[in-house]
C-alpha atoms as a PDB file:
ATOM      1  CA  MET A   1      -0.212 -53.321 -32.662  1.00  0.00           C
ATOM      2  CA  HIS A   2      -2.899 -50.625 -32.786  1.00  0.00           C
ATOM      3  CA  GLU A   3      -3.704 -51.175 -29.188  1.00  0.00           C
ATOM      4  CA  LEU A   4      -0.089 -50.786 -28.313  1.00  0.00           C
ATOM      5  CA  ILE A   5       0.279 -47.525 -30.197  1.00  0.00           C
ATOM      6  CA  THR A   6      -3.160 -46.118 -28.591  1.00  0.00           C
ATOM      7  CA  THR A   7      -1.867 -47.274 -25.270  1.00  0.00           C
ATOM      8  CA  VAL A   8       1.505 -45.314 -25.909  1.00  0.00           C
ATOM      9  CA  GLU A   9      -0.354 -42.277 -27.158  1.00  0.00           C
ATOM     10  CA  VAL A  10      -2.666 -42.339 -24.048  1.00  0.00           C
ATOM     11  CA  ILE A  11       0.456 -42.426 -21.717  1.00  0.00           C
ATOM     12  CA  LYS A  12       2.216 -39.719 -23.614  1.00  0.00           C
ATOM     13  CA  SER A  13      -0.918 -37.383 -23.222  1.00  0.00           C
ATOM     14  CA  ASN A  14      -1.165 -38.019 -19.541  1.00  0.00           C
ATOM     15  CA  TYR A  15       2.204 -37.017 -18.915  1.00  0.00           C
ATOM     16  CA  ALA A  16       4.049 -33.849 -19.357  1.00  0.00           C
ATOM     17  CA  THR A  17       7.232 -33.555 -21.451  1.00  0.00           C
ATOM     18  CA  LYS A  18      10.505 -32.133 -20.017  1.00  0.00           C
ATOM     19  CA  GLU A  19      10.149 -29.348 -22.473  1.00  0.00           C
ATOM     20  CA  GLU A  20       6.460 -28.420 -21.367  1.00  0.00           C
ATOM     21  CA  LEU A  21       7.844 -28.631 -17.772  1.00  0.00           C
ATOM     22  CA  ALA A  22      10.689 -26.285 -18.549  1.00  0.00           C
ATOM     23  CA  VAL A  23       8.260 -23.733 -20.306  1.00  0.00           C
ATOM     24  CA  LEU A  24       5.945 -23.933 -17.329  1.00  0.00           C
ATOM     25  CA  SER A  25       8.816 -23.404 -14.905  1.00  0.00           C
ATOM     26  CA  GLY A  26       9.981 -20.480 -16.926  1.00  0.00           C
ATOM     27  CA  LYS A  27       6.328 -18.941 -16.720  1.00  0.00           C
ATOM     28  CA  ILE A  28       6.105 -19.481 -13.015  1.00  0.00           C
ATOM     29  CA  ASP A  29       9.424 -17.747 -12.452  1.00  0.00           C
ATOM     30  CA  VAL A  30       8.195 -14.743 -14.303  1.00  0.00           C
ATOM     31  CA  LEU A  31       4.887 -14.888 -12.396  1.00  0.00           C
ATOM     32  CA  ALA A  32       7.006 -15.126  -9.006  1.00  0.00           C
ATOM     33  CA  SER A  33       9.406 -12.127 -10.199  1.00  0.00           C
ATOM     34  CA  ASN A  34       6.217 -10.144 -11.057  1.00  0.00           C
ATOM     35  CA  GLN A  35       4.809 -10.858  -7.551  1.00  0.00           C
ATOM     36  CA  GLN A  36       7.984  -9.819  -5.764  1.00  0.00           C
ATOM     37  CA  ALA A  37       8.013  -6.515  -7.855  1.00  0.00           C
ATOM     38  CA  LEU A  38       4.406  -5.761  -6.828  1.00  0.00           C
ATOM     39  CA  GLN A  39       5.020  -6.392  -3.319  1.00  0.00           C
ATOM     40  CA  ALA A  40       7.992  -4.232  -3.330  1.00  0.00           C
ATOM     41  CA  SER A  41       6.073  -1.576  -4.968  1.00  0.00           C
ATOM     42  CA  LEU A  42       3.263  -1.912  -2.539  1.00  0.00           C
ATOM     43  CA  LEU A  43       5.635  -1.693   0.485  1.00  0.00           C
ATOM     44  CA  ALA A  44       7.063   1.503  -1.057  1.00  0.00           C
ATOM     45  CA  PHE A  45       3.713   3.022  -1.640  1.00  0.00           C
ATOM     46  CA  GLN A  46       2.546   2.219   1.807  1.00  0.00           C
ATOM     47  CA  ALA A  47       5.685   4.012   3.263  1.00  0.00           C
ATOM     48  CA  TYR A  48       5.054   6.978   1.149  1.00  0.00           C
ATOM     49  CA  ALA A  49       1.447   7.028   2.187  1.00  0.00           C
ATOM     50  CA  MET A  50       2.349   6.929   5.649  1.00  0.00           C
ATOM     51  CA  GLN A  51       4.877   9.760   5.313  1.00  0.00           C
ATOM     52  CA  THR A  52       2.525  11.948   2.952  1.00  0.00           C
ATOM     53  CA  PHE A  53      -1.074  11.499   4.457  1.00  0.00           C
ATOM     54  CA  ALA A  54      -2.477  11.828   7.898  1.00  0.00           C
ATOM     55  CA  THR A  55      -4.456   9.511   9.929  1.00  0.00           C
ATOM     56  CA  LYS A  56      -7.767  10.510  11.653  1.00  0.00           C
ATOM     57  CA  ALA A  57      -6.025  10.433  14.878  1.00  0.00           C
ATOM     58  CA  GLU A  58      -3.481  12.922  13.845  1.00  0.00           C
ATOM     59  CA  LEU A  59      -5.965  15.166  12.031  1.00  0.00           C
ATOM     60  CA  ALA A  60      -7.980  15.212  15.432  1.00  0.00           C
ATOM     61  CA  ASP A  61      -5.093  16.064  17.425  1.00  0.00           C
ATOM     62  CA  ALA A  62      -3.837  18.800  15.102  1.00  0.00           C
ATOM     63  CA  VAL A  63      -7.299  20.088  15.009  1.00  0.00           C
ATOM     64  CA  TYR A  64      -7.439  19.941  18.904  1.00  0.00           C
ATOM     65  CA  GLN A  65      -4.221  21.806  19.431  1.00  0.00           C
ATOM     66  CA  LEU A  66      -5.440  24.421  16.806  1.00  0.00           C
ATOM     67  CA  THR A  67      -8.332  24.998  18.738  1.00  0.00           C
ATOM     68  CA  TRP A  68      -6.750  25.859  21.862  1.00  0.00           C
ATOM     69  CA  ARG A  69      -4.210  27.831  20.193  1.00  0.00           C
ATOM     70  CA  MET A  70      -7.107  30.007  18.404  1.00  0.00           C
ATOM     71  CA  ALA A  71      -8.875  30.332  21.647  1.00  0.00           C
ATOM     72  CA  GLY A  72      -5.731  31.293  23.580  1.00  0.00           C
ATOM     73  CA  PHE A  73      -4.853  34.125  20.864  1.00  0.00           C
ATOM     74  CA  THR A  74      -8.531  35.224  21.085  1.00  0.00           C
ATOM     75  CA  ILE A  75      -8.210  35.658  25.018  1.00  0.00           C
ATOM     76  CA  ALA A  76      -5.018  37.504  24.575  1.00  0.00           C
ATOM     77  CA  SER A  77      -6.287  39.794  21.738  1.00  0.00           C
ATOM     78  CA  VAL A  78      -9.339  40.466  23.806  1.00  0.00           C
ATOM     79  CA  SER A  79      -7.372  41.043  26.966  1.00  0.00           C
ATOM     80  CA  ALA A  80      -4.863  43.375  25.126  1.00  0.00           C
ATOM     81  CA  THR A  81      -7.680  45.357  23.510  1.00  0.00           C
ATOM     82  CA  ALA A  82      -9.417  45.764  26.917  1.00  0.00           C
ATOM     83  CA  ALA A  83      -6.147  46.854  28.461  1.00  0.00           C
ATOM     84  CA  LEU A  84      -5.429  49.545  25.630  1.00  0.00           C
ATOM     85  CA  MET A  85      -8.969  50.831  25.961  1.00  0.00           C
ATOM     86  CA  ARG A  86      -8.698  51.254  29.750  1.00  0.00           C
ATOM     87  CA  TYR A  87      -5.252  53.098  29.534  1.00  0.00           C
ATOM     88  CA  LEU A  88      -5.957  55.234  26.615  1.00  0.00           C
END
């Protein structure tokens, strides 16, 4: 009889009960919903970052354009000053 009780206890310890499985299933569902929320917030942050921050290529393009604008403004200013000095 003692061997039978021991065998039953070993079998019970090797298998999960339905209640334990239900608890684990609930925890897995919570983790899955948390993961989905994290993914959604990551996608929202990535969209915000792409709208807010500039890439290196965009910065390089903006600096390049500003350099030529400043050069053009300087040439126009020097030309206007030379023309004014000549005619005044």
